[in-house]
């Protein structure tokens, strides 16, 4: 139902929601994806980073770090 709604109401975001759902990614992991993380030959994604947005002392910060599994963080 969510993916159908995304297709009709927010088609520009539909693929993003599909990747989240089909791969079981957390939002920060999906936001941290880069083209090099896609293995087109094997059809896999390598999750090496997560992205967080925080406001610290009135300053907006984007933090890039290791995913919750603790692996990598290039």
PDB file of N, CA and C in Angstrom:
ATOM      1  N   UNK A   1       0.825  -1.196   0.000  1.00  0.00           N
ATOM      2  CA  UNK A   1       0.000   0.000   0.000  1.00  0.00           C
ATOM      3  C   UNK A   1       0.872   1.264   0.000  1.00  0.00           C
ATOM      4  N   UNK A   2       1.922   1.294   0.838  1.00  0.00           N
ATOM      5  CA  UNK A   2       2.794   2.462   0.900  1.00  0.00           C
ATOM      6  C   UNK A   2       3.489   2.667  -0.450  1.00  0.00           C
ATOM      7  N   UNK A   3       3.964   1.582  -1.042  1.00  0.00           N
ATOM      8  CA  UNK A   3       4.678   1.705  -2.312  1.00  0.00           C
ATOM      9  C   UNK A   3       3.739   2.130  -3.437  1.00  0.00           C
ATOM     10  N   UNK A   4       2.499   1.667  -3.416  1.00  0.00           N
ATOM     11  CA  UNK A   4       1.520   2.095  -4.417  1.00  0.00           C
ATOM     12  C   UNK A   4       1.215   3.584  -4.260  1.00  0.00           C
ATOM     13  N   UNK A   5       1.074   4.033  -3.024  1.00  0.00           N
ATOM     14  CA  UNK A   5       0.822   5.448  -2.759  1.00  0.00           C
ATOM     15  C   UNK A   5       1.996   6.296  -3.230  1.00  0.00           C
ATOM     16  N   UNK A   6       3.206   5.833  -2.964  1.00  0.00           N
ATOM     17  CA  UNK A   6       4.396   6.567  -3.423  1.00  0.00           C
ATOM     18  C   UNK A   6       4.409   6.663  -4.939  1.00  0.00           C
ATOM     19  N   UNK A   7       4.048   5.572  -5.627  1.00  0.00           N
ATOM     20  CA  UNK A   7       4.015   5.586  -7.092  1.00  0.00           C
ATOM     21  C   UNK A   7       3.056   6.639  -7.637  1.00  0.00           C
ATOM     22  N   UNK A   8       1.909   6.786  -6.988  1.00  0.00           N
ATOM     23  CA  UNK A   8       0.907   7.714  -7.514  1.00  0.00           C
ATOM     24  C   UNK A   8       1.073   9.146  -7.017  1.00  0.00           C
ATOM     25  N   UNK A   9       1.416   9.312  -5.733  1.00  0.00           N
ATOM     26  CA  UNK A   9       1.479  10.664  -5.171  1.00  0.00           C
ATOM     27  C   UNK A   9       2.850  11.309  -5.232  1.00  0.00           C
ATOM     28  N   UNK A  10       3.909  10.511  -5.111  1.00  0.00           N
ATOM     29  CA  UNK A  10       5.283  11.035  -5.104  1.00  0.00           C
ATOM     30  C   UNK A  10       6.174  10.186  -6.010  1.00  0.00           C
ATOM     31  N   UNK A  11       5.914  10.172  -7.308  1.00  0.00           N
ATOM     32  CA  UNK A  11       6.677   9.296  -8.206  1.00  0.00           C
ATOM     33  C   UNK A  11       8.186   9.566  -8.186  1.00  0.00           C
ATOM     34  N   UNK A  12       8.589  10.802  -7.875  1.00  0.00           N
ATOM     35  CA  UNK A  12      10.012  11.120  -7.829  1.00  0.00           C
ATOM     36  C   UNK A  12      10.713  10.468  -6.627  1.00  0.00           C
ATOM     37  N   UNK A  13       9.949  10.045  -5.629  1.00  0.00           N
ATOM     38  CA  UNK A  13      10.491   9.392  -4.427  1.00  0.00           C
ATOM     39  C   UNK A  13      10.188   7.896  -4.382  1.00  0.00           C
ATOM     40  N   UNK A  14       9.414   7.393  -5.316  1.00  0.00           N
ATOM     41  CA  UNK A  14       8.951   6.006  -5.273  1.00  0.00           C
ATOM     42  C   UNK A  14      10.111   5.009  -5.235  1.00  0.00           C
ATOM     43  N   UNK A  15      11.122   5.215  -6.059  1.00  0.00           N
ATOM     44  CA  UNK A  15      12.253   4.280  -6.071  1.00  0.00           C
ATOM     45  C   UNK A  15      12.998   4.285  -4.736  1.00  0.00           C
ATOM     46  N   UNK A  16      13.111   5.434  -4.117  1.00  0.00           N
ATOM     47  CA  UNK A  16      13.757   5.536  -2.807  1.00  0.00           C
ATOM     48  C   UNK A  16      13.010   4.686  -1.778  1.00  0.00           C
ATOM     49  N   UNK A  17      11.680   4.806  -1.748  1.00  0.00           N
ATOM     50  CA  UNK A  17      10.874   4.017  -0.813  1.00  0.00           C
ATOM     51  C   UNK A  17      10.981   2.526  -1.100  1.00  0.00           C
ATOM     52  N   UNK A  18      11.059   2.175  -2.378  1.00  0.00           N
ATOM     53  CA  UNK A  18      11.183   0.762  -2.751  1.00  0.00           C
ATOM     54  C   UNK A  18      12.507   0.184  -2.267  1.00  0.00           C
ATOM     55  N   UNK A  19      13.590   0.931  -2.402  1.00  0.00           N
ATOM     56  CA  UNK A  19      14.890   0.461  -1.913  1.00  0.00           C
ATOM     57  C   UNK A  19      14.841   0.274  -0.398  1.00  0.00           C
ATOM     58  N   UNK A  20      14.244   1.223   0.312  1.00  0.00           N
ATOM     59  CA  UNK A  20      14.102   1.096   1.765  1.00  0.00           C
ATOM     60  C   UNK A  20      13.364  -0.187   2.137  1.00  0.00           C
ATOM     61  N   UNK A  21      12.245  -0.419   1.489  1.00  0.00           N
ATOM     62  CA  UNK A  21      11.411  -1.569   1.817  1.00  0.00           C
ATOM     63  C   UNK A  21      11.989  -2.896   1.380  1.00  0.00           C
ATOM     64  N   UNK A  22      12.443  -2.968   0.152  1.00  0.00           N
ATOM     65  CA  UNK A  22      12.928  -4.239  -0.384  1.00  0.00           C
ATOM     66  C   UNK A  22      14.248  -4.671   0.245  1.00  0.00           C
ATOM     67  N   UNK A  23      15.089  -3.722   0.600  1.00  0.00           N
ATOM     68  CA  UNK A  23      16.413  -4.056   1.149  1.00  0.00           C
ATOM     69  C   UNK A  23      16.451  -3.985   2.669  1.00  0.00           C
ATOM     70  N   UNK A  24      15.391  -3.488   3.282  1.00  0.00           N
ATOM     71  CA  UNK A  24      15.360  -3.386   4.735  1.00  0.00           C
ATOM     72  C   UNK A  24      16.337  -2.355   5.284  1.00  0.00           C
ATOM     73  N   UNK A  25      16.563  -1.298   4.518  1.00  0.00           N
ATOM     74  CA  UNK A  25      17.512  -0.266   4.934  1.00  0.00           C
ATOM     75  C   UNK A  25      16.873   0.700   5.919  1.00  0.00           C
ATOM     76  N   UNK A  26      17.681   1.208   6.811  1.00  0.00           N
ATOM     77  CA  UNK A  26      17.269   2.328   7.651  1.00  0.00           C
ATOM     78  C   UNK A  26      17.386   3.597   6.801  1.00  0.00           C
ATOM     79  N   UNK A  27      16.681   4.622   7.191  1.00  0.00           N
ATOM     80  CA  UNK A  27      16.681   5.874   6.435  1.00  0.00           C
ATOM     81  C   UNK A  27      18.089   6.435   6.270  1.00  0.00           C
ATOM     82  N   UNK A  28      18.867   6.479   7.343  1.00  0.00           N
ATOM     83  CA  UNK A  28      20.230   7.003   7.282  1.00  0.00           C
ATOM     84  C   UNK A  28      21.133   6.195   6.367  1.00  0.00           C
ATOM     85  N   UNK A  29      20.933   4.873   6.331  1.00  0.00           N
ATOM     86  CA  UNK A  29      21.718   4.017   5.443  1.00  0.00           C
ATOM     87  C   UNK A  29      21.387   4.305   3.985  1.00  0.00           C
ATOM     88  N   UNK A  30      20.105   4.480   3.696  1.00  0.00           N
ATOM     89  CA  UNK A  30      19.696   4.785   2.322  1.00  0.00           C
ATOM     90  C   UNK A  30      20.232   6.150   1.892  1.00  0.00           C
ATOM     91  N   UNK A  31      20.224   7.117   2.794  1.00  0.00           N
ATOM     92  CA  UNK A  31      20.749   8.447   2.476  1.00  0.00           C
ATOM     93  C   UNK A  31      22.265   8.432   2.289  1.00  0.00           C
ATOM     94  N   UNK A  32      22.928   7.447   2.857  1.00  0.00           N
ATOM     95  CA  UNK A  32      24.378   7.335   2.732  1.00  0.00           C
ATOM     96  C   UNK A  32      24.845   6.575   1.501  1.00  0.00           C
ATOM     97  N   UNK A  33      23.915   6.042   0.711  1.00  0.00           N
ATOM     98  CA  UNK A  33      24.305   5.271  -0.473  1.00  0.00           C
ATOM     99  C   UNK A  33      25.002   6.140  -1.513  1.00  0.00           C
ATOM    100  N   UNK A  34      26.000   5.559  -2.153  1.00  0.00           N
ATOM    101  CA  UNK A  34      26.705   6.196  -3.266  1.00  0.00           C
ATOM    102  C   UNK A  34      26.762   5.193  -4.408  1.00  0.00           C
ATOM    103  N   UNK A  35      27.022   5.682  -5.625  1.00  0.00           N
ATOM    104  CA  UNK A  35      27.029   4.803  -6.797  1.00  0.00           C
ATOM    105  C   UNK A  35      27.984   3.622  -6.626  1.00  0.00           C
ATOM    106  N   UNK A  36      29.112   3.824  -5.981  1.00  0.00           N
ATOM    107  CA  UNK A  36      30.083   2.752  -5.789  1.00  0.00           C
ATOM    108  C   UNK A  36      29.587   1.631  -4.878  1.00  0.00           C
ATOM    109  N   UNK A  37      28.493   1.878  -4.138  1.00  0.00           N
ATOM    110  CA  UNK A  37      27.929   0.867  -3.247  1.00  0.00           C
ATOM    111  C   UNK A  37      27.061  -0.146  -3.995  1.00  0.00           C
ATOM    112  N   UNK A  38      26.753   0.146  -5.244  1.00  0.00           N
ATOM    113  CA  UNK A  38      25.900  -0.722  -6.054  1.00  0.00           C
ATOM    114  C   UNK A  38      26.759  -1.682  -6.858  1.00  0.00           C
ATOM    115  N   UNK A  39      26.564  -2.971  -6.644  1.00  0.00           N
ATOM    116  CA  UNK A  39      27.253  -3.988  -7.436  1.00  0.00           C
ATOM    117  C   UNK A  39      26.314  -4.462  -8.524  1.00  0.00           C
ATOM    118  N   UNK A  40      26.342  -3.797  -9.670  1.00  0.00           N
ATOM    119  CA  UNK A  40      25.392  -4.082 -10.746  1.00  0.00           C
ATOM    120  C   UNK A  40      25.524  -5.506 -11.277  1.00  0.00           C
ATOM    121  N   UNK A  41      26.738  -6.044 -11.326  1.00  0.00           N
ATOM    122  CA  UNK A  41      26.933  -7.392 -11.860  1.00  0.00           C
ATOM    123  C   UNK A  41      26.279  -8.425 -10.944  1.00  0.00           C
ATOM    124  N   UNK A  42      26.504  -8.323  -9.655  1.00  0.00           N
ATOM    125  CA  UNK A  42      25.926  -9.281  -8.715  1.00  0.00           C
ATOM    126  C   UNK A  42      24.552  -8.881  -8.206  1.00  0.00           C
ATOM    127  N   UNK A  43      24.139  -7.651  -8.466  1.00  0.00           N
ATOM    128  CA  UNK A  43      22.838  -7.160  -8.016  1.00  0.00           C
ATOM    129  C   UNK A  43      22.748  -6.998  -6.511  1.00  0.00           C
ATOM    130  N   UNK A  44      23.737  -6.361  -5.916  1.00  0.00           N
ATOM    131  CA  UNK A  44      23.741  -6.195  -4.468  1.00  0.00           C
ATOM    132  C   UNK A  44      24.129  -4.781  -4.085  1.00  0.00           C
ATOM    133  N   UNK A  45      23.810  -4.406  -2.864  1.00  0.00           N
ATOM    134  CA  UNK A  45      24.215  -3.125  -2.278  1.00  0.00           C
ATOM    135  C   UNK A  45      25.155  -3.407  -1.116  1.00  0.00           C
ATOM    136  N   UNK A  46      26.189  -2.602  -0.998  1.00  0.00           N
ATOM    137  CA  UNK A  46      27.084  -2.686   0.143  1.00  0.00           C
ATOM    138  C   UNK A  46      26.817  -1.463   1.013  1.00  0.00           C
ATOM    139  N   UNK A  47      26.392  -1.706   2.248  1.00  0.00           N
ATOM    140  CA  UNK A  47      26.063  -0.614   3.159  1.00  0.00           C
ATOM    141  C   UNK A  47      27.298  -0.337   4.007  1.00  0.00           C
ATOM    142  N   UNK A  48      27.951   0.797   3.770  1.00  0.00           N
ATOM    143  CA  UNK A  48      29.191   1.109   4.472  1.00  0.00           C
ATOM    144  C   UNK A  48      29.114   2.389   5.295  1.00  0.00           C
ATOM    145  N   UNK A  49      27.993   3.097   5.216  1.00  0.00           N
ATOM    146  CA  UNK A  49      27.898   4.359   5.946  1.00  0.00           C
ATOM    147  C   UNK A  49      26.436   4.676   6.240  1.00  0.00           C
ATOM    148  N   UNK A  50      26.258   5.521   7.222  1.00  0.00           N
ATOM    149  CA  UNK A  50      24.941   6.064   7.528  1.00  0.00           C
ATOM    150  C   UNK A  50      25.090   7.577   7.659  1.00  0.00           C
ATOM    151  N   UNK A  51      24.032   8.284   7.375  1.00  0.00           N
ATOM    152  CA  UNK A  51      24.051   9.746   7.421  1.00  0.00           C
ATOM    153  C   UNK A  51      23.002  10.199   8.434  1.00  0.00           C
ATOM    154  N   UNK A  52      23.399  11.116   9.293  1.00  0.00           N
ATOM    155  CA  UNK A  52      22.480  11.678  10.277  1.00  0.00           C
ATOM    156  C   UNK A  52      22.508  13.198  10.176  1.00  0.00           C
ATOM    157  N   UNK A  53      21.363  13.794  10.401  1.00  0.00           N
ATOM    158  CA  UNK A  53      21.240  15.250  10.447  1.00  0.00           C
ATOM    159  C   UNK A  53      20.963  15.627  11.893  1.00  0.00           C
ATOM    160  N   UNK A  54      21.784  16.508  12.425  1.00  0.00           N
ATOM    161  CA  UNK A  54      21.597  16.955  13.808  1.00  0.00           C
ATOM    162  C   UNK A  54      21.766  18.460  13.891  1.00  0.00           C
ATOM    163  N   UNK A  55      21.092  19.014  14.855  1.00  0.00           N
ATOM    164  CA  UNK A  55      21.247  20.431  15.137  1.00  0.00           C
ATOM    165  C   UNK A  55      21.942  20.531  16.486  1.00  0.00           C
ATOM    166  N   UNK A  56      23.162  21.067  16.485  1.00  0.00           N
ATOM    167  CA  UNK A  56      23.961  21.177  17.698  1.00  0.00           C
ATOM    168  C   UNK A  56      24.249  22.654  17.953  1.00  0.00           C
ATOM    169  N   UNK A  57      23.807  23.160  19.077  1.00  0.00           N
ATOM    170  CA  UNK A  57      23.986  24.562  19.449  1.00  0.00           C
ATOM    171  C   UNK A  57      23.561  25.508  18.324  1.00  0.00           C
ATOM    172  N   UNK A  58      22.422  25.211  17.739  1.00  0.00           N
ATOM    173  CA  UNK A  58      21.882  26.054  16.685  1.00  0.00           C
ATOM    174  C   UNK A  58      22.504  25.849  15.316  1.00  0.00           C
ATOM    175  N   UNK A  59      23.508  25.005  15.214  1.00  0.00           N
ATOM    176  CA  UNK A  59      24.184  24.739  13.936  1.00  0.00           C
ATOM    177  C   UNK A  59      23.705  23.404  13.373  1.00  0.00           C
ATOM    178  N   UNK A  60      23.342  23.390  12.108  1.00  0.00           N
ATOM    179  CA  UNK A  60      22.958  22.154  11.438  1.00  0.00           C
ATOM    180  C   UNK A  60      24.216  21.387  11.047  1.00  0.00           C
ATOM    181  N   UNK A  61      24.225  20.097  11.352  1.00  0.00           N
ATOM    182  CA  UNK A  61      25.370  19.262  11.010  1.00  0.00           C
ATOM    183  C   UNK A  61      24.890  17.994  10.328  1.00  0.00           C
ATOM    184  N   UNK A  62      25.633  17.565   9.307  1.00  0.00           N
ATOM    185  CA  UNK A  62      25.398  16.288   8.661  1.00  0.00           C
ATOM    186  C   UNK A  62      26.564  15.398   9.065  1.00  0.00           C
ATOM    187  N   UNK A  63      26.255  14.308   9.754  1.00  0.00           N
ATOM    188  CA  UNK A  63      27.276  13.404  10.249  1.00  0.00           C
ATOM    189  C   UNK A  63      27.262  12.119   9.436  1.00  0.00           C
ATOM    190  N   UNK A  64      28.418  11.683   8.979  1.00  0.00           N
ATOM    191  CA  UNK A  64      28.558  10.433   8.243  1.00  0.00           C
ATOM    192  C   UNK A  64      29.372   9.489   9.112  1.00  0.00           C
ATOM    193  N   UNK A  65      28.854   8.290   9.322  1.00  0.00           N
ATOM    194  CA  UNK A  65      29.551   7.335  10.168  1.00  0.00           C
ATOM    195  C   UNK A  65      29.247   5.911   9.776  1.00  0.00           C
ATOM    196  N   UNK A  66      29.704   4.981  10.594  1.00  0.00           N
ATOM    197  CA  UNK A  66      29.476   3.561  10.350  1.00  0.00           C
ATOM    198  C   UNK A  66      27.998   3.238  10.553  1.00  0.00           C
ATOM    199  N   UNK A  67      27.490   2.269   9.800  1.00  0.00           N
ATOM    200  CA  UNK A  67      26.105   1.844  10.028  1.00  0.00           C
ATOM    201  C   UNK A  67      25.985   1.151  11.376  1.00  0.00           C
ATOM    202  N   UNK A  68      24.773   0.864  11.767  1.00  0.00           N
ATOM    203  CA  UNK A  68      24.522   0.291  13.086  1.00  0.00           C
ATOM    204  C   UNK A  68      25.250  -1.035  13.285  1.00  0.00           C
ATOM    205  N   UNK A  69      25.523  -1.755  12.191  1.00  0.00           N
ATOM    206  CA  UNK A  69      26.253  -3.016  12.291  1.00  0.00           C
ATOM    207  C   UNK A  69      27.694  -2.798  12.717  1.00  0.00           C
ATOM    208  N   UNK A  70      28.187  -1.544  12.563  1.00  0.00           N
ATOM    209  CA  UNK A  70      29.560  -1.220  12.952  1.00  0.00           C
ATOM    210  C   UNK A  70      30.596  -1.495  11.882  1.00  0.00           C
ATOM    211  N   UNK A  71      30.165  -1.984  10.741  1.00  0.00           N
ATOM    212  CA  UNK A  71      31.103  -2.312   9.666  1.00  0.00           C
ATOM    213  C   UNK A  71      31.396  -1.108   8.798  1.00  0.00           C
ATOM    214  N   UNK A  72      32.648  -0.929   8.473  1.00  0.00           N
ATOM    215  CA  UNK A  72      33.152   0.067   7.538  1.00  0.00           C
ATOM    216  C   UNK A  72      32.872   1.497   7.967  1.00  0.00           C
ATOM    217  N   UNK A  73      32.605   2.378   7.089  1.00  0.00           N
ATOM    218  CA  UNK A  73      32.337   3.820   7.209  1.00  0.00           C
ATOM    219  C   UNK A  73      33.446   4.543   6.475  1.00  0.00           C
ATOM    220  N   UNK A  74      33.442   4.362   5.199  1.00  0.00           N
ATOM    221  CA  UNK A  74      34.474   4.949   4.332  1.00  0.00           C
ATOM    222  C   UNK A  74      34.406   6.443   4.331  1.00  0.00           C
TER     223      UNK A  74
END
